[in-house]
mmCIF file of all heavy atoms, coordinates in Angstrom:
data_MODEL
# 
_entry.id   MODEL 
# 
loop_
_atom_site.group_PDB 
_atom_site.id 
_atom_site.type_symbol 
_atom_site.label_atom_id 
_atom_site.label_alt_id 
_atom_site.label_comp_id 
_atom_site.label_asym_id 
_atom_site.label_entity_id 
_atom_site.label_seq_id 
_atom_site.pdbx_PDB_ins_code 
_atom_site.Cartn_x 
_atom_site.Cartn_y 
_atom_site.Cartn_z 
_atom_site.occupancy 
_atom_site.B_iso_or_equiv 
_atom_site.pdbx_formal_charge 
_atom_site.auth_seq_id 
_atom_site.auth_comp_id 
_atom_site.auth_asym_id 
_atom_site.auth_atom_id 
_atom_site.pdbx_PDB_model_num 
ATOM 1   N N   . ARG A 1 1  ? -7.567  11.090 6.162   1.00 0.00 ? 1  ARG A N   1 
ATOM 2   C CA  . ARG A 1 1  ? -8.035  10.126 5.149   1.00 0.00 ? 1  ARG A CA  1 
ATOM 3   C C   . ARG A 1 1  ? -7.643  10.669 3.778   1.00 0.00 ? 1  ARG A C   1 
ATOM 4   O O   . ARG A 1 1  ? -7.927  11.807 3.449   1.00 0.00 ? 1  ARG A O   1 
ATOM 5   C CB  . ARG A 1 1  ? -9.505  9.875  5.211   1.00 0.00 ? 1  ARG A CB  1 
ATOM 6   C CG  . ARG A 1 1  ? -9.969  9.229  6.490   1.00 0.00 ? 1  ARG A CG  1 
ATOM 7   C CD  . ARG A 1 1  ? -11.463 9.115  6.653   1.00 0.00 ? 1  ARG A CD  1 
ATOM 8   N NE  . ARG A 1 1  ? -11.806 8.440  7.872   1.00 0.00 ? 1  ARG A NE  1 
ATOM 9   C CZ  . ARG A 1 1  ? -11.896 7.115  7.998   1.00 0.00 ? 1  ARG A CZ  1 
ATOM 10  N NH1 . ARG A 1 1  ? -11.723 6.369  6.952   1.00 0.00 ? 1  ARG A NH1 1 
ATOM 11  N NH2 . ARG A 1 1  ? -12.228 6.610  9.185   1.00 0.00 ? 1  ARG A NH2 1 
ATOM 12  N N   . PHE A 1 2  ? -7.019  9.795  2.959   1.00 0.00 ? 2  PHE A N   1 
ATOM 13  C CA  . PHE A 1 2  ? -6.520  10.241 1.612   1.00 0.00 ? 2  PHE A CA  1 
ATOM 14  C C   . PHE A 1 2  ? -6.992  9.190  0.618   1.00 0.00 ? 2  PHE A C   1 
ATOM 15  O O   . PHE A 1 2  ? -6.603  8.024  0.635   1.00 0.00 ? 2  PHE A O   1 
ATOM 16  C CB  . PHE A 1 2  ? -4.987  10.294 1.695   1.00 0.00 ? 2  PHE A CB  1 
ATOM 17  C CG  . PHE A 1 2  ? -4.482  11.173 2.744   1.00 0.00 ? 2  PHE A CG  1 
ATOM 18  C CD1 . PHE A 1 2  ? -4.231  10.726 4.027   1.00 0.00 ? 2  PHE A CD1 1 
ATOM 19  C CD2 . PHE A 1 2  ? -4.255  12.531 2.467   1.00 0.00 ? 2  PHE A CD2 1 
ATOM 20  C CE1 . PHE A 1 2  ? -3.758  11.582 4.998   1.00 0.00 ? 2  PHE A CE1 1 
ATOM 21  C CE2 . PHE A 1 2  ? -3.792  13.413 3.455   1.00 0.00 ? 2  PHE A CE2 1 
ATOM 22  C CZ  . PHE A 1 2  ? -3.546  12.924 4.726   1.00 0.00 ? 2  PHE A CZ  1 
ATOM 23  N N   . VAL A 1 3  ? -7.857  9.635  -0.311  1.00 0.00 ? 3  VAL A N   1 
ATOM 24  C CA  . VAL A 1 3  ? -8.343  8.764  -1.374  1.00 0.00 ? 3  VAL A CA  1 
ATOM 25  C C   . VAL A 1 3  ? -7.206  8.381  -2.304  1.00 0.00 ? 3  VAL A C   1 
ATOM 26  O O   . VAL A 1 3  ? -6.400  9.206  -2.693  1.00 0.00 ? 3  VAL A O   1 
ATOM 27  C CB  . VAL A 1 3  ? -9.467  9.464  -2.167  1.00 0.00 ? 3  VAL A CB  1 
ATOM 28  C CG1 . VAL A 1 3  ? -9.899  8.632  -3.357  1.00 0.00 ? 3  VAL A CG1 1 
ATOM 29  C CG2 . VAL A 1 3  ? -10.661 9.758  -1.227  1.00 0.00 ? 3  VAL A CG2 1 
ATOM 30  N N   . ILE A 1 4  ? -7.137  7.103  -2.651  1.00 0.00 ? 4  ILE A N   1 
ATOM 31  C CA  . ILE A 1 4  ? -6.131  6.592  -3.556  1.00 0.00 ? 4  ILE A CA  1 
ATOM 32  C C   . ILE A 1 4  ? -6.732  6.700  -4.987  1.00 0.00 ? 4  ILE A C   1 
ATOM 33  O O   . ILE A 1 4  ? -7.718  5.958  -5.234  1.00 0.00 ? 4  ILE A O   1 
ATOM 34  C CB  . ILE A 1 4  ? -5.715  5.209  -3.237  1.00 0.00 ? 4  ILE A CB  1 
ATOM 35  C CG1 . ILE A 1 4  ? -5.159  5.111  -1.809  1.00 0.00 ? 4  ILE A CG1 1 
ATOM 36  C CG2 . ILE A 1 4  ? -4.635  4.712  -4.231  1.00 0.00 ? 4  ILE A CG2 1 
ATOM 37  C CD1 . ILE A 1 4  ? -4.938  3.680  -1.325  1.00 0.00 ? 4  ILE A CD1 1 
ATOM 38  N N   . PRO A 1 5  ? -6.198  7.499  -5.852  1.00 0.00 ? 5  PRO A N   1 
ATOM 39  C CA  . PRO A 1 5  ? -6.725  7.558  -7.215  1.00 0.00 ? 5  PRO A CA  1 
ATOM 40  C C   . PRO A 1 5  ? -6.682  6.166  -7.889  1.00 0.00 ? 5  PRO A C   1 
ATOM 41  O O   . PRO A 1 5  ? -5.782  5.349  -7.654  1.00 0.00 ? 5  PRO A O   1 
ATOM 42  C CB  . PRO A 1 5  ? -5.817  8.544  -7.974  1.00 0.00 ? 5  PRO A CB  1 
ATOM 43  C CG  . PRO A 1 5  ? -5.303  9.416  -6.867  1.00 0.00 ? 5  PRO A CG  1 
ATOM 44  C CD  . PRO A 1 5  ? -5.125  8.487  -5.661  1.00 0.00 ? 5  PRO A CD  1 
ATOM 45  N N   . ALA A 1 6  ? -7.709  5.905  -8.696  1.00 0.00 ? 6  ALA A N   1 
ATOM 46  C CA  . ALA A 1 6  ? -7.873  4.548  -9.300  1.00 0.00 ? 6  ALA A CA  1 
ATOM 47  C C   . ALA A 1 6  ? -6.591  4.013  -9.987  1.00 0.00 ? 6  ALA A C   1 
ATOM 48  O O   . ALA A 1 6  ? -6.296  2.891  -9.885  1.00 0.00 ? 6  ALA A O   1 
ATOM 49  C CB  . ALA A 1 6  ? -9.044  4.549  -10.272 1.00 0.00 ? 6  ALA A CB  1 
ATOM 50  N N   . GLY A 1 7  ? -5.935  4.879  -10.734 1.00 0.00 ? 7  GLY A N   1 
ATOM 51  C CA  . GLY A 1 7  ? -4.757  4.426  -11.465 1.00 0.00 ? 7  GLY A CA  1 
ATOM 52  C C   . GLY A 1 7  ? -3.532  4.185  -10.618 1.00 0.00 ? 7  GLY A C   1 
ATOM 53  O O   . GLY A 1 7  ? -2.522  3.654  -11.099 1.00 0.00 ? 7  GLY A O   1 
ATOM 54  N N   . PHE A 1 8  ? -3.590  4.467  -9.300  1.00 0.00 ? 8  PHE A N   1 
ATOM 55  C CA  . PHE A 1 8  ? -2.443  4.351  -8.414  1.00 0.00 ? 8  PHE A CA  1 
ATOM 56  C C   . PHE A 1 8  ? -2.429  2.945  -7.749  1.00 0.00 ? 8  PHE A C   1 
ATOM 57  O O   . PHE A 1 8  ? -1.400  2.542  -7.191  1.00 0.00 ? 8  PHE A O   1 
ATOM 58  C CB  . PHE A 1 8  ? -2.454  5.363  -7.287  1.00 0.00 ? 8  PHE A CB  1 
ATOM 59  C CG  . PHE A 1 8  ? -2.166  6.780  -7.698  1.00 0.00 ? 8  PHE A CG  1 
ATOM 60  C CD1 . PHE A 1 8  ? -2.147  7.181  -9.017  1.00 0.00 ? 8  PHE A CD1 1 
ATOM 61  C CD2 . PHE A 1 8  ? -1.932  7.730  -6.752  1.00 0.00 ? 8  PHE A CD2 1 
ATOM 62  C CE1 . PHE A 1 8  ? -1.908  8.474  -9.368  1.00 0.00 ? 8  PHE A CE1 1 
ATOM 63  C CE2 . PHE A 1 8  ? -1.663  9.036  -7.062  1.00 0.00 ? 8  PHE A CE2 1 
ATOM 64  C CZ  . PHE A 1 8  ? -1.655  9.433  -8.404  1.00 0.00 ? 8  PHE A CZ  1 
ATOM 65  N N   . ILE A 1 9  ? -3.526  2.214  -7.759  1.00 0.00 ? 9  ILE A N   1 
ATOM 66  C CA  . ILE A 1 9  ? -3.636  1.012  -6.984  1.00 0.00 ? 9  ILE A CA  1 
ATOM 67  C C   . ILE A 1 9  ? -3.928  -0.211 -7.923  1.00 0.00 ? 9  ILE A C   1 
ATOM 68  O O   . ILE A 1 9  ? -4.685  -0.079 -8.848  1.00 0.00 ? 9  ILE A O   1 
ATOM 69  C CB  . ILE A 1 9  ? -4.701  1.139  -5.858  1.00 0.00 ? 9  ILE A CB  1 
ATOM 70  C CG1 . ILE A 1 9  ? -4.520  0.023  -4.803  1.00 0.00 ? 9  ILE A CG1 1 
ATOM 71  C CG2 . ILE A 1 9  ? -6.053  1.227  -6.429  1.00 0.00 ? 9  ILE A CG2 1 
ATOM 72  C CD1 . ILE A 1 9  ? -5.189  0.388  -3.525  1.00 0.00 ? 9  ILE A CD1 1 
ATOM 73  N N   . ASN A 1 10 ? -3.301  -1.338 -7.560  1.00 0.00 ? 10 ASN A N   1 
ATOM 74  C CA  . ASN A 1 10 ? -3.484  -2.566 -8.334  1.00 0.00 ? 10 ASN A CA  1 
ATOM 75  C C   . ASN A 1 10 ? -4.613  -3.335 -7.669  1.00 0.00 ? 10 ASN A C   1 
ATOM 76  O O   . ASN A 1 10 ? -4.426  -3.873 -6.577  1.00 0.00 ? 10 ASN A O   1 
ATOM 77  C CB  . ASN A 1 10 ? -2.205  -3.361 -8.374  1.00 0.00 ? 10 ASN A CB  1 
ATOM 78  C CG  . ASN A 1 10 ? -2.306  -4.628 -9.207  1.00 0.00 ? 10 ASN A CG  1 
ATOM 79  O OD1 . ASN A 1 10 ? -3.361  -4.942 -9.765  1.00 0.00 ? 10 ASN A OD1 1 
ATOM 80  N ND2 . ASN A 1 10 ? -1.244  -5.405 -9.240  1.00 0.00 ? 10 ASN A ND2 1 
ATOM 81  N N   . LEU A 1 11 ? -5.772  -3.398 -8.289  1.00 0.00 ? 11 LEU A N   1 
ATOM 82  C CA  . LEU A 1 11 ? -6.937  -4.077 -7.725  1.00 0.00 ? 11 LEU A CA  1 
ATOM 83  C C   . LEU A 1 11 ? -6.808  -5.614 -7.771  1.00 0.00 ? 11 LEU A C   1 
ATOM 84  O O   . LEU A 1 11 ? -7.564  -6.343 -7.120  1.00 0.00 ? 11 LEU A O   1 
ATOM 85  C CB  . LEU A 1 11 ? -8.214  -3.655 -8.389  1.00 0.00 ? 11 LEU A CB  1 
ATOM 86  C CG  . LEU A 1 11 ? -8.544  -2.137 -8.341  1.00 0.00 ? 11 LEU A CG  1 
ATOM 87  C CD1 . LEU A 1 11 ? -9.783  -1.822 -9.172  1.00 0.00 ? 11 LEU A CD1 1 
ATOM 88  C CD2 . LEU A 1 11 ? -8.694  -1.690 -6.928  1.00 0.00 ? 11 LEU A CD2 1 
ATOM 89  N N   . HIS A 1 12 ? -5.813  -6.103 -8.567  1.00 0.00 ? 12 HIS A N   1 
ATOM 90  C CA  . HIS A 1 12 ? -5.716  -7.553 -8.800  1.00 0.00 ? 12 HIS A CA  1 
ATOM 91  C C   . HIS A 1 12 ? -4.295  -8.041 -8.566  1.00 0.00 ? 12 HIS A C   1 
ATOM 92  O O   . HIS A 1 12 ? -3.723  -8.757 -9.385  1.00 0.00 ? 12 HIS A O   1 
ATOM 93  C CB  . HIS A 1 12 ? -6.130  -7.903 -10.193 1.00 0.00 ? 12 HIS A CB  1 
ATOM 94  C CG  . HIS A 1 12 ? -7.499  -7.372 -10.547 1.00 0.00 ? 12 HIS A CG  1 
ATOM 95  N ND1 . HIS A 1 12 ? -8.650  -7.902 -10.081 1.00 0.00 ? 12 HIS A ND1 1 
ATOM 96  C CD2 . HIS A 1 12 ? -7.872  -6.292 -11.265 1.00 0.00 ? 12 HIS A CD2 1 
ATOM 97  C CE1 . HIS A 1 12 ? -9.687  -7.218 -10.509 1.00 0.00 ? 12 HIS A CE1 1 
ATOM 98  N NE2 . HIS A 1 12 ? -9.241  -6.231 -11.257 1.00 0.00 ? 12 HIS A NE2 1 
ATOM 99  N N   . GLY A 1 13 ? -3.649  -7.675 -7.431  1.00 0.00 ? 13 GLY A N   1 
ATOM 100 C CA  . GLY A 1 13 ? -2.343  -8.117 -7.161  1.00 0.00 ? 13 GLY A CA  1 
ATOM 101 C C   . GLY A 1 13 ? -1.637  -7.311 -6.117  1.00 0.00 ? 13 GLY A C   1 
ATOM 102 O O   . GLY A 1 13 ? -2.235  -6.692 -5.232  1.00 0.00 ? 13 GLY A O   1 
ATOM 103 N N   . SER A 1 14 ? -0.315  -7.277 -6.238  1.00 0.00 ? 14 SER A N   1 
ATOM 104 C CA  . SER A 1 14 ? 0.574   -6.667 -5.188  1.00 0.00 ? 14 SER A CA  1 
ATOM 105 C C   . SER A 1 14 ? 0.581   -5.140 -5.248  1.00 0.00 ? 14 SER A C   1 
ATOM 106 O O   . SER A 1 14 ? 0.578   -4.528 -6.351  1.00 0.00 ? 14 SER A O   1 
ATOM 107 C CB  . SER A 1 14 ? 1.965   -7.190 -5.365  1.00 0.00 ? 14 SER A CB  1 
ATOM 108 O OG  . SER A 1 14 ? 2.845   -6.677 -4.413  1.00 0.00 ? 14 SER A OG  1 
ATOM 109 N N   . ASN A 1 15 ? 0.609   -4.530 -4.102  1.00 0.00 ? 15 ASN A N   1 
ATOM 110 C CA  . ASN A 1 15 ? 0.724   -3.082 -3.930  1.00 0.00 ? 15 ASN A CA  1 
ATOM 111 C C   . ASN A 1 15 ? 1.747   -2.751 -2.883  1.00 0.00 ? 15 ASN A C   1 
ATOM 112 O O   . ASN A 1 15 ? 1.972   -3.567 -1.984  1.00 0.00 ? 15 ASN A O   1 
ATOM 113 C CB  . ASN A 1 15 ? -0.632  -2.492 -3.497  1.00 0.00 ? 15 ASN A CB  1 
ATOM 114 C CG  . ASN A 1 15 ? -1.663  -2.565 -4.588  1.00 0.00 ? 15 ASN A CG  1 
ATOM 115 O OD1 . ASN A 1 15 ? -1.744  -1.768 -5.472  1.00 0.00 ? 15 ASN A OD1 1 
ATOM 116 N ND2 . ASN A 1 15 ? -2.479  -3.653 -4.511  1.00 0.00 ? 15 ASN A ND2 1 
ATOM 117 N N   . THR A 1 16 ? 2.378   -1.580 -2.962  1.00 0.00 ? 16 THR A N   1 
ATOM 118 C CA  . THR A 1 16 ? 3.340   -1.142 -2.006  1.00 0.00 ? 16 THR A CA  1 
ATOM 119 C C   . THR A 1 16 ? 2.936   0.189  -1.438  1.00 0.00 ? 16 THR A C   1 
ATOM 120 O O   . THR A 1 16 ? 2.630   1.108  -2.222  1.00 0.00 ? 16 THR A O   1 
ATOM 121 C CB  . THR A 1 16 ? 4.781   -1.061 -2.611  1.00 0.00 ? 16 THR A CB  1 
ATOM 122 O OG1 . THR A 1 16 ? 5.118   -2.336 -3.097  1.00 0.00 ? 16 THR A OG1 1 
ATOM 123 C CG2 . THR A 1 16 ? 5.777   -0.565 -1.598  1.00 0.00 ? 16 THR A CG2 1 
ATOM 124 N N   . ILE A 1 17 ? 2.960   0.349  -0.137  1.00 0.00 ? 17 ILE A N   1 
ATOM 125 C CA  . ILE A 1 17 ? 2.787   1.664  0.481   1.00 0.00 ? 17 ILE A CA  1 
ATOM 126 C C   . ILE A 1 17 ? 4.081   2.009  1.172   1.00 0.00 ? 17 ILE A C   1 
ATOM 127 O O   . ILE A 1 17 ? 4.678   1.208  1.863   1.00 0.00 ? 17 ILE A O   1 
ATOM 128 C CB  . ILE A 1 17 ? 1.573   1.673  1.449   1.00 0.00 ? 17 ILE A CB  1 
ATOM 129 C CG1 . ILE A 1 17 ? 1.356   3.088  2.003   1.00 0.00 ? 17 ILE A CG1 1 
ATOM 130 C CG2 . ILE A 1 17 ? 1.758   0.675  2.545   1.00 0.00 ? 17 ILE A CG2 1 
ATOM 131 C CD1 . ILE A 1 17 ? 0.034   3.248  2.710   1.00 0.00 ? 17 ILE A CD1 1 
ATOM 132 N N   . ALA A 1 18 ? 4.543   3.215  0.896   1.00 0.00 ? 18 ALA A N   1 
ATOM 133 C CA  . ALA A 1 18 ? 5.769   3.740  1.508   1.00 0.00 ? 18 ALA A CA  1 
ATOM 134 C C   . ALA A 1 18 ? 5.386   5.061  2.196   1.00 0.00 ? 18 ALA A C   1 
ATOM 135 O O   . ALA A 1 18 ? 4.623   5.843  1.652   1.00 0.00 ? 18 ALA A O   1 
ATOM 136 C CB  . ALA A 1 18 ? 6.845   3.959  0.487   1.00 0.00 ? 18 ALA A CB  1 
ATOM 137 N N   . VAL A 1 19 ? 5.938   5.280  3.366   1.00 0.00 ? 19 VAL A N   1 
ATOM 138 C CA  . VAL A 1 19 ? 5.617   6.495  4.124   1.00 0.00 ? 19 VAL A CA  1 
ATOM 139 C C   . VAL A 1 19 ? 6.928   7.072  4.704   1.00 0.00 ? 19 VAL A C   1 
ATOM 140 O O   . VAL A 1 19 ? 7.695   6.371  5.331   1.00 0.00 ? 19 VAL A O   1 
ATOM 141 C CB  . VAL A 1 19 ? 4.666   6.155  5.326   1.00 0.00 ? 19 VAL A CB  1 
ATOM 142 C CG1 . VAL A 1 19 ? 4.320   7.412  6.086   1.00 0.00 ? 19 VAL A CG1 1 
ATOM 143 C CG2 . VAL A 1 19 ? 3.423   5.422  4.826   1.00 0.00 ? 19 VAL A CG2 1 
ATOM 144 N N   . ALA A 1 20 ? 7.097   8.367  4.418   1.00 0.00 ? 20 ALA A N   1 
ATOM 145 C CA  . ALA A 1 20 ? 8.241   9.086  4.993   1.00 0.00 ? 20 ALA A CA  1 
ATOM 146 C C   . ALA A 1 20 ? 7.672   9.922  6.175   1.00 0.00 ? 20 ALA A C   1 
ATOM 147 O O   . ALA A 1 20 ? 6.861   10.789 5.971   1.00 0.00 ? 20 ALA A O   1 
ATOM 148 C CB  . ALA A 1 20 ? 8.834   10.042 3.945   1.00 0.00 ? 20 ALA A CB  1 
ATOM 149 N N   . VAL A 1 21 ? 8.102   9.580  7.374   1.00 0.00 ? 21 VAL A N   1 
ATOM 150 C CA  . VAL A 1 21 ? 7.607   10.255 8.585   1.00 0.00 ? 21 VAL A CA  1 
ATOM 151 C C   . VAL A 1 21 ? 8.687   11.238 9.069   1.00 0.00 ? 21 VAL A C   1 
ATOM 152 O O   . VAL A 1 21 ? 9.840   10.822 9.331   1.00 0.00 ? 21 VAL A O   1 
ATOM 153 C CB  . VAL A 1 21 ? 7.245   9.289  9.731   1.00 0.00 ? 21 VAL A CB  1 
ATOM 154 C CG1 . VAL A 1 21 ? 6.845   10.022 10.976  1.00 0.00 ? 21 VAL A CG1 1 
ATOM 155 C CG2 . VAL A 1 21 ? 6.128   8.365  9.262   1.00 0.00 ? 21 VAL A CG2 1 
ATOM 156 N N   . ALA A 1 22 ? 8.346   12.491 9.134   1.00 0.00 ? 22 ALA A N   1 
ATOM 157 C CA  . ALA A 1 22 ? 9.268   13.543 9.682   1.00 0.00 ? 22 ALA A CA  1 
ATOM 158 C C   . ALA A 1 22 ? 8.756   13.875 11.054  1.00 0.00 ? 22 ALA A C   1 
ATOM 159 O O   . ALA A 1 22 ? 7.725   14.527 11.198  1.00 0.00 ? 22 ALA A O   1 
ATOM 160 C CB  . ALA A 1 22 ? 9.296   14.766 8.751   1.00 0.00 ? 22 ALA A CB  1 
ATOM 161 N N   . ALA A 1 23 ? 9.467   13.458 12.083  1.00 0.00 ? 23 ALA A N   1 
ATOM 162 C CA  . ALA A 1 23 ? 9.081   13.675 13.478  1.00 0.00 ? 23 ALA A CA  1 
ATOM 163 C C   . ALA A 1 23 ? 9.814   14.854 14.014  1.00 0.00 ? 23 ALA A C   1 
ATOM 164 O O   . ALA A 1 23 ? 11.037  14.969 13.869  1.00 0.00 ? 23 ALA A O   1 
ATOM 165 C CB  . ALA A 1 23 ? 9.440   12.393 14.295  1.00 0.00 ? 23 ALA A CB  1 
ATOM 166 N N   . LYS A 1 24 ? 9.043   15.746 14.657  1.00 0.00 ? 24 LYS A N   1 
ATOM 167 C CA  . LYS A 1 24 ? 9.603   16.967 15.187  1.00 0.00 ? 24 LYS A CA  1 
ATOM 168 C C   . LYS A 1 24 ? 10.143  16.801 16.648  1.00 0.00 ? 24 LYS A C   1 
ATOM 169 O O   . LYS A 1 24 ? 10.907  17.609 17.121  1.00 0.00 ? 24 LYS A O   1 
ATOM 170 C CB  . LYS A 1 24 ? 8.564   18.141 15.176  1.00 0.00 ? 24 LYS A CB  1 
ATOM 171 C CG  . LYS A 1 24 ? 8.068   18.421 13.805  1.00 0.00 ? 24 LYS A CG  1 
ATOM 172 C CD  . LYS A 1 24 ? 6.976   19.442 13.829  1.00 0.00 ? 24 LYS A CD  1 
ATOM 173 C CE  . LYS A 1 24 ? 6.380   19.674 12.469  1.00 0.00 ? 24 LYS A CE  1 
ATOM 174 N NZ  . LYS A 1 24 ? 5.211   20.534 12.504  1.00 0.00 ? 24 LYS A NZ  1 
# 
């Protein structure tokens, strides 16, 4: 679980989450 700091997220519109997965 990773808290999203308040300034990182748009509470009133569009948001994007991007994830780089390094699989071993």
